[in-house]
N, C-alpha and C. Protein backbone atom coordinates (compact mmCIF):
# COMPACT_ATOMS: atom_id res chain seq x y z
N MET A 1 -39.00 141.32 -45.52
CA MET A 1 -37.92 142.11 -46.08
C MET A 1 -38.33 142.63 -47.46
N ARG A 2 -37.98 143.88 -47.74
CA ARG A 2 -38.34 144.51 -49.00
C ARG A 2 -37.30 144.21 -50.07
N PRO A 3 -37.74 144.05 -51.30
CA PRO A 3 -36.77 143.89 -52.39
C PRO A 3 -36.06 145.22 -52.64
N PRO A 4 -34.87 145.20 -53.21
CA PRO A 4 -34.17 146.47 -53.48
C PRO A 4 -34.95 147.32 -54.47
N ARG A 5 -34.81 148.65 -54.31
CA ARG A 5 -35.49 149.59 -55.20
C ARG A 5 -34.94 149.51 -56.60
N ARG A 6 -35.85 149.55 -57.55
CA ARG A 6 -35.42 149.66 -58.94
C ARG A 6 -35.16 151.13 -59.23
N SER A 7 -34.28 151.41 -60.15
CA SER A 7 -33.93 152.80 -60.44
C SER A 7 -35.09 153.57 -61.05
N GLY A 8 -36.06 152.90 -61.69
CA GLY A 8 -37.18 153.59 -62.31
C GLY A 8 -38.28 153.95 -61.34
N ASP A 9 -38.26 153.41 -60.12
CA ASP A 9 -39.30 153.71 -59.14
C ASP A 9 -39.20 155.17 -58.70
N ARG A 10 -40.35 155.78 -58.49
CA ARG A 10 -40.39 157.17 -58.06
C ARG A 10 -40.31 157.24 -56.54
N LEU A 11 -39.61 158.24 -56.06
CA LEU A 11 -39.60 158.48 -54.63
C LEU A 11 -40.89 159.14 -54.18
N VAL A 12 -41.44 159.99 -55.03
CA VAL A 12 -42.68 160.70 -54.71
C VAL A 12 -43.73 160.26 -55.73
N ARG A 13 -44.85 159.78 -55.25
CA ARG A 13 -45.92 159.33 -56.13
C ARG A 13 -46.57 160.52 -56.84
N THR A 14 -47.11 160.25 -58.03
CA THR A 14 -47.66 161.34 -58.84
C THR A 14 -48.83 162.03 -58.16
N TYR A 15 -49.63 161.33 -57.38
CA TYR A 15 -50.75 162.00 -56.72
C TYR A 15 -50.28 162.97 -55.65
N VAL A 16 -49.07 162.77 -55.14
CA VAL A 16 -48.51 163.72 -54.18
C VAL A 16 -48.04 164.98 -54.93
N VAL A 17 -47.43 164.77 -56.09
CA VAL A 17 -46.93 165.89 -56.89
C VAL A 17 -48.07 166.81 -57.31
N THR A 18 -49.23 166.22 -57.62
CA THR A 18 -50.37 167.02 -58.08
C THR A 18 -51.35 167.36 -56.97
N SER A 19 -50.99 167.10 -55.74
CA SER A 19 -51.86 167.36 -54.58
C SER A 19 -53.18 166.61 -54.70
N GLY A 20 -53.14 165.42 -55.26
CA GLY A 20 -54.31 164.58 -55.36
C GLY A 20 -55.22 164.89 -56.53
N ARG A 21 -54.86 165.87 -57.36
CA ARG A 21 -55.71 166.23 -58.50
C ARG A 21 -55.44 165.31 -59.67
N ALA A 22 -56.50 164.94 -60.38
CA ALA A 22 -56.37 164.06 -61.54
C ALA A 22 -56.47 164.82 -62.86
N HIS A 23 -57.01 166.04 -62.80
CA HIS A 23 -57.19 166.84 -64.02
C HIS A 23 -56.79 168.28 -63.76
N ALA A 24 -56.34 168.94 -64.81
CA ALA A 24 -56.00 170.36 -64.72
C ALA A 24 -57.27 171.16 -64.43
N SER A 25 -57.10 172.27 -63.75
CA SER A 25 -58.25 173.07 -63.32
C SER A 25 -59.07 173.61 -64.49
N ARG A 26 -58.43 174.28 -65.42
CA ARG A 26 -59.19 174.83 -66.54
C ARG A 26 -58.41 174.88 -67.83
N ASN A 27 -57.10 174.89 -67.77
CA ASN A 27 -56.29 174.99 -68.97
C ASN A 27 -56.00 173.60 -69.52
N HIS A 28 -56.06 173.48 -70.83
CA HIS A 28 -55.75 172.21 -71.47
C HIS A 28 -54.49 172.37 -72.31
N PHE A 29 -53.60 171.43 -72.19
CA PHE A 29 -52.33 171.47 -72.92
C PHE A 29 -52.20 170.22 -73.78
N ASP A 30 -52.06 170.42 -75.09
CA ASP A 30 -51.77 169.31 -76.00
C ASP A 30 -50.31 168.93 -75.86
N HIS A 31 -49.96 167.77 -76.40
CA HIS A 31 -48.56 167.34 -76.38
C HIS A 31 -47.66 168.31 -77.13
N ILE A 32 -48.20 168.96 -78.16
CA ILE A 32 -47.38 169.83 -78.99
C ILE A 32 -47.48 171.30 -78.65
N THR A 33 -48.25 171.64 -77.62
CA THR A 33 -48.36 173.04 -77.19
C THR A 33 -47.00 173.53 -76.73
N LEU A 34 -46.59 174.68 -77.24
CA LEU A 34 -45.32 175.27 -76.83
C LEU A 34 -45.52 176.10 -75.57
N VAL A 35 -44.66 175.88 -74.60
CA VAL A 35 -44.74 176.56 -73.31
C VAL A 35 -43.50 177.42 -73.15
N ALA A 36 -43.69 178.66 -72.72
CA ALA A 36 -42.57 179.58 -72.50
C ALA A 36 -42.83 180.38 -71.23
N LEU A 37 -41.77 180.95 -70.69
CA LEU A 37 -41.92 181.84 -69.54
C LEU A 37 -42.64 183.10 -69.98
N SER A 38 -43.51 183.62 -69.13
CA SER A 38 -44.18 184.87 -69.44
C SER A 38 -43.20 186.03 -69.21
N THR A 39 -43.54 187.18 -69.74
CA THR A 39 -42.66 188.34 -69.59
C THR A 39 -42.59 188.80 -68.14
N SER A 40 -43.62 188.50 -67.37
CA SER A 40 -43.64 188.92 -65.96
C SER A 40 -43.13 187.84 -65.01
N ALA A 41 -42.68 186.71 -65.51
CA ALA A 41 -42.28 185.59 -64.66
C ALA A 41 -41.14 185.94 -63.71
N VAL A 42 -40.22 186.77 -64.14
CA VAL A 42 -39.08 187.11 -63.28
C VAL A 42 -39.49 187.97 -62.09
N HIS A 43 -40.62 188.65 -62.20
CA HIS A 43 -41.08 189.53 -61.13
C HIS A 43 -42.06 188.85 -60.17
N LEU A 44 -42.52 187.65 -60.52
CA LEU A 44 -43.52 186.97 -59.70
C LEU A 44 -42.87 186.15 -58.59
N SER A 45 -43.55 186.03 -57.49
CA SER A 45 -43.06 185.24 -56.36
C SER A 45 -43.19 183.76 -56.66
N ARG A 46 -42.19 183.00 -56.27
CA ARG A 46 -42.23 181.54 -56.43
C ARG A 46 -42.48 180.84 -55.11
N ALA A 47 -42.84 181.59 -54.08
CA ALA A 47 -43.00 181.02 -52.74
C ALA A 47 -44.10 179.96 -52.68
N GLN A 48 -45.17 180.13 -53.44
CA GLN A 48 -46.30 179.20 -53.38
C GLN A 48 -46.09 177.97 -54.27
N LEU A 49 -44.97 177.91 -54.98
CA LEU A 49 -44.73 176.82 -55.92
C LEU A 49 -43.97 175.67 -55.28
N GLY A 50 -44.24 174.47 -55.78
CA GLY A 50 -43.55 173.28 -55.31
C GLY A 50 -42.26 173.05 -56.09
N PRO A 51 -41.48 172.05 -55.69
CA PRO A 51 -40.21 171.79 -56.36
C PRO A 51 -40.38 171.41 -57.83
N GLU A 52 -41.45 170.72 -58.17
CA GLU A 52 -41.67 170.35 -59.58
C GLU A 52 -41.97 171.58 -60.42
N HIS A 53 -42.70 172.54 -59.86
CA HIS A 53 -42.95 173.80 -60.56
C HIS A 53 -41.63 174.53 -60.83
N HIS A 54 -40.76 174.54 -59.83
CA HIS A 54 -39.45 175.19 -59.99
C HIS A 54 -38.63 174.52 -61.09
N MET A 55 -38.69 173.20 -61.16
CA MET A 55 -37.94 172.49 -62.21
C MET A 55 -38.46 172.85 -63.59
N ILE A 56 -39.78 172.99 -63.72
CA ILE A 56 -40.35 173.39 -65.01
C ILE A 56 -39.87 174.78 -65.40
N LEU A 57 -39.95 175.73 -64.46
CA LEU A 57 -39.52 177.10 -64.76
C LEU A 57 -38.04 177.16 -65.09
N ASP A 58 -37.23 176.39 -64.40
CA ASP A 58 -35.79 176.35 -64.70
C ASP A 58 -35.54 175.80 -66.09
N LYS A 59 -36.31 174.79 -66.48
CA LYS A 59 -36.14 174.18 -67.81
C LYS A 59 -36.57 175.15 -68.90
N LEU A 60 -37.56 175.98 -68.61
CA LEU A 60 -38.05 176.95 -69.60
C LEU A 60 -37.20 178.21 -69.67
N ALA A 61 -36.25 178.37 -68.75
CA ALA A 61 -35.41 179.57 -68.76
C ALA A 61 -34.60 179.67 -70.04
N GLY A 62 -34.24 178.55 -70.63
CA GLY A 62 -33.44 178.56 -71.85
C GLY A 62 -34.25 178.89 -73.09
N SER A 63 -35.39 178.23 -73.25
CA SER A 63 -36.22 178.46 -74.43
C SER A 63 -37.58 177.79 -74.25
N ALA A 64 -38.48 178.10 -75.15
CA ALA A 64 -39.81 177.48 -75.13
C ALA A 64 -39.68 176.00 -75.49
N GLN A 65 -40.53 175.20 -74.89
CA GLN A 65 -40.51 173.76 -75.16
C GLN A 65 -41.94 173.25 -75.23
N SER A 66 -42.10 172.14 -75.91
CA SER A 66 -43.43 171.53 -75.99
C SER A 66 -43.71 170.77 -74.70
N VAL A 67 -44.98 170.47 -74.48
CA VAL A 67 -45.38 169.72 -73.30
C VAL A 67 -44.71 168.35 -73.29
N ALA A 68 -44.64 167.72 -74.45
CA ALA A 68 -44.01 166.40 -74.54
C ALA A 68 -42.53 166.46 -74.20
N GLU A 69 -41.83 167.50 -74.66
CA GLU A 69 -40.41 167.65 -74.33
C GLU A 69 -40.21 167.85 -72.84
N LEU A 70 -41.01 168.71 -72.24
CA LEU A 70 -40.91 168.94 -70.79
C LEU A 70 -41.17 167.65 -70.02
N SER A 71 -42.15 166.90 -70.45
CA SER A 71 -42.47 165.64 -69.80
C SER A 71 -41.27 164.69 -69.83
N ALA A 72 -40.62 164.61 -70.97
CA ALA A 72 -39.46 163.72 -71.10
C ALA A 72 -38.28 164.21 -70.27
N HIS A 73 -38.00 165.50 -70.31
CA HIS A 73 -36.87 166.04 -69.57
C HIS A 73 -37.03 165.92 -68.05
N LEU A 74 -38.27 166.08 -67.58
CA LEU A 74 -38.52 166.08 -66.15
C LEU A 74 -38.94 164.72 -65.62
N HIS A 75 -39.03 163.74 -66.51
CA HIS A 75 -39.40 162.37 -66.12
C HIS A 75 -40.73 162.33 -65.39
N GLN A 76 -41.70 163.08 -65.92
CA GLN A 76 -43.05 163.13 -65.36
C GLN A 76 -44.03 162.71 -66.45
N PRO A 77 -45.08 161.98 -66.09
CA PRO A 77 -46.12 161.68 -67.09
C PRO A 77 -46.76 162.97 -67.60
N VAL A 78 -47.21 162.94 -68.84
CA VAL A 78 -47.83 164.13 -69.43
C VAL A 78 -49.05 164.56 -68.62
N SER A 79 -49.80 163.61 -68.10
CA SER A 79 -50.98 163.95 -67.31
C SER A 79 -50.61 164.76 -66.06
N VAL A 80 -49.51 164.43 -65.43
CA VAL A 80 -49.05 165.17 -64.26
C VAL A 80 -48.53 166.54 -64.69
N LEU A 81 -47.77 166.56 -65.77
CA LEU A 81 -47.21 167.82 -66.25
C LEU A 81 -48.31 168.82 -66.62
N ARG A 82 -49.39 168.33 -67.19
CA ARG A 82 -50.50 169.22 -67.55
C ARG A 82 -51.07 169.92 -66.32
N ILE A 83 -51.17 169.21 -65.23
CA ILE A 83 -51.70 169.79 -63.99
C ILE A 83 -50.73 170.85 -63.46
N LEU A 84 -49.45 170.54 -63.48
CA LEU A 84 -48.44 171.49 -63.00
C LEU A 84 -48.39 172.73 -63.89
N LEU A 85 -48.51 172.53 -65.20
CA LEU A 85 -48.51 173.66 -66.12
C LEU A 85 -49.75 174.54 -65.92
N ALA A 86 -50.88 173.92 -65.63
CA ALA A 86 -52.10 174.69 -65.37
C ALA A 86 -51.91 175.57 -64.13
N ASP A 87 -51.24 175.03 -63.12
CA ASP A 87 -50.93 175.84 -61.93
C ASP A 87 -50.07 177.05 -62.30
N LEU A 88 -49.02 176.80 -63.08
CA LEU A 88 -48.11 177.88 -63.47
C LEU A 88 -48.82 178.91 -64.34
N MET A 89 -49.75 178.46 -65.17
CA MET A 89 -50.51 179.38 -66.01
C MET A 89 -51.41 180.27 -65.14
N GLU A 90 -52.05 179.68 -64.15
CA GLU A 90 -52.92 180.45 -63.27
C GLU A 90 -52.14 181.49 -62.47
N PHE A 91 -50.92 181.17 -62.07
CA PHE A 91 -50.09 182.12 -61.33
C PHE A 91 -49.42 183.14 -62.23
N GLY A 92 -49.50 182.96 -63.56
CA GLY A 92 -48.94 183.92 -64.50
C GLY A 92 -47.48 183.70 -64.85
N HIS A 93 -46.92 182.57 -64.51
CA HIS A 93 -45.51 182.30 -64.77
C HIS A 93 -45.21 181.88 -66.20
N ILE A 94 -46.19 181.28 -66.87
CA ILE A 94 -45.94 180.78 -68.23
C ILE A 94 -47.00 181.30 -69.19
N THR A 95 -46.68 181.18 -70.45
CA THR A 95 -47.60 181.47 -71.53
C THR A 95 -47.48 180.35 -72.55
N THR A 96 -48.49 180.18 -73.37
CA THR A 96 -48.46 179.11 -74.36
C THR A 96 -48.79 179.66 -75.73
N ARG A 97 -48.41 178.88 -76.71
CA ARG A 97 -48.83 179.18 -78.08
C ARG A 97 -48.87 177.87 -78.84
N GLN A 98 -49.80 177.79 -79.74
CA GLN A 98 -49.94 176.58 -80.54
C GLN A 98 -48.96 176.65 -81.71
N PRO A 99 -48.34 175.54 -82.05
CA PRO A 99 -47.48 175.54 -83.23
C PRO A 99 -48.30 175.76 -84.49
N ILE A 100 -47.64 176.19 -85.55
CA ILE A 100 -48.33 176.43 -86.82
C ILE A 100 -48.89 175.12 -87.34
N ASP A 101 -50.14 175.12 -87.73
CA ASP A 101 -50.77 173.94 -88.27
C ASP A 101 -50.36 173.79 -89.73
N ALA A 102 -49.60 172.77 -90.04
CA ALA A 102 -49.09 172.57 -91.39
C ALA A 102 -50.21 172.29 -92.38
N ALA A 103 -51.34 171.81 -91.92
CA ALA A 103 -52.44 171.50 -92.82
C ALA A 103 -53.19 172.75 -93.27
N ASP A 104 -53.02 173.86 -92.55
CA ASP A 104 -53.75 175.08 -92.85
C ASP A 104 -52.80 176.28 -92.78
N PRO A 105 -51.86 176.39 -93.75
CA PRO A 105 -50.91 177.51 -93.70
C PRO A 105 -51.59 178.83 -94.05
N THR A 106 -51.09 179.89 -93.45
CA THR A 106 -51.63 181.22 -93.73
C THR A 106 -50.99 181.76 -95.01
N ARG A 107 -51.61 182.76 -95.57
CA ARG A 107 -51.09 183.36 -96.80
C ARG A 107 -49.70 183.95 -96.57
N SER A 108 -49.51 184.62 -95.43
CA SER A 108 -48.20 185.24 -95.16
C SER A 108 -47.11 184.17 -95.04
N LEU A 109 -47.43 183.03 -94.46
CA LEU A 109 -46.44 181.95 -94.36
C LEU A 109 -46.07 181.44 -95.74
N LEU A 110 -47.06 181.25 -96.59
CA LEU A 110 -46.78 180.78 -97.96
C LEU A 110 -45.95 181.79 -98.74
N GLU A 111 -46.22 183.09 -98.53
CA GLU A 111 -45.45 184.12 -99.22
C GLU A 111 -44.00 184.13 -98.74
N GLU A 112 -43.78 183.90 -97.43
CA GLU A 112 -42.42 183.83 -96.90
C GLU A 112 -41.66 182.63 -97.46
N VAL A 113 -42.34 181.52 -97.59
CA VAL A 113 -41.70 180.33 -98.16
C VAL A 113 -41.35 180.58 -99.62
N LEU A 114 -42.26 181.19 -100.36
CA LEU A 114 -42.01 181.51 -101.76
C LEU A 114 -40.82 182.46 -101.90
N ALA A 115 -40.77 183.48 -101.06
CA ALA A 115 -39.65 184.43 -101.10
C ALA A 115 -38.34 183.71 -100.77
N GLY A 116 -38.36 182.80 -99.82
CA GLY A 116 -37.16 182.04 -99.49
C GLY A 116 -36.70 181.16 -100.63
N LEU A 117 -37.63 180.55 -101.32
CA LEU A 117 -37.28 179.71 -102.48
C LEU A 117 -36.70 180.55 -103.62
N ARG A 118 -37.23 181.73 -103.80
CA ARG A 118 -36.70 182.62 -104.85
C ARG A 118 -35.28 183.07 -104.54
N ASN A 119 -34.97 183.21 -103.25
CA ASN A 119 -33.63 183.64 -102.84
C ASN A 119 -32.59 182.55 -103.02
N LEU A 120 -33.03 181.30 -103.16
CA LEU A 120 -32.09 180.21 -103.39
C LEU A 120 -31.53 180.33 -104.74
């Protein structure tokens, strides 16, 4: 006899979600990489996508989110999410951008901060 299921157990194992892949094909996503829908995402077919891909796209419909945020919202390990995001990137559904590196601010950013401080 089997013990009762714990609520944290997954119904679908992660290797099934990623089709047995352990690494993303070519795109690398950091935890802080911002992910957003591409401008052409509404025109692209979703027929080749799995249910997890659809959940990611639905979550991004509101606004851009970091890889870590998506992982937490979708209850998927970051390693799995990276593979799914690489799929979406290859199909053209998403785009990424790196957040501003606080250690290396650009001149224009510093000028905007200075202007904001002067307006106070």
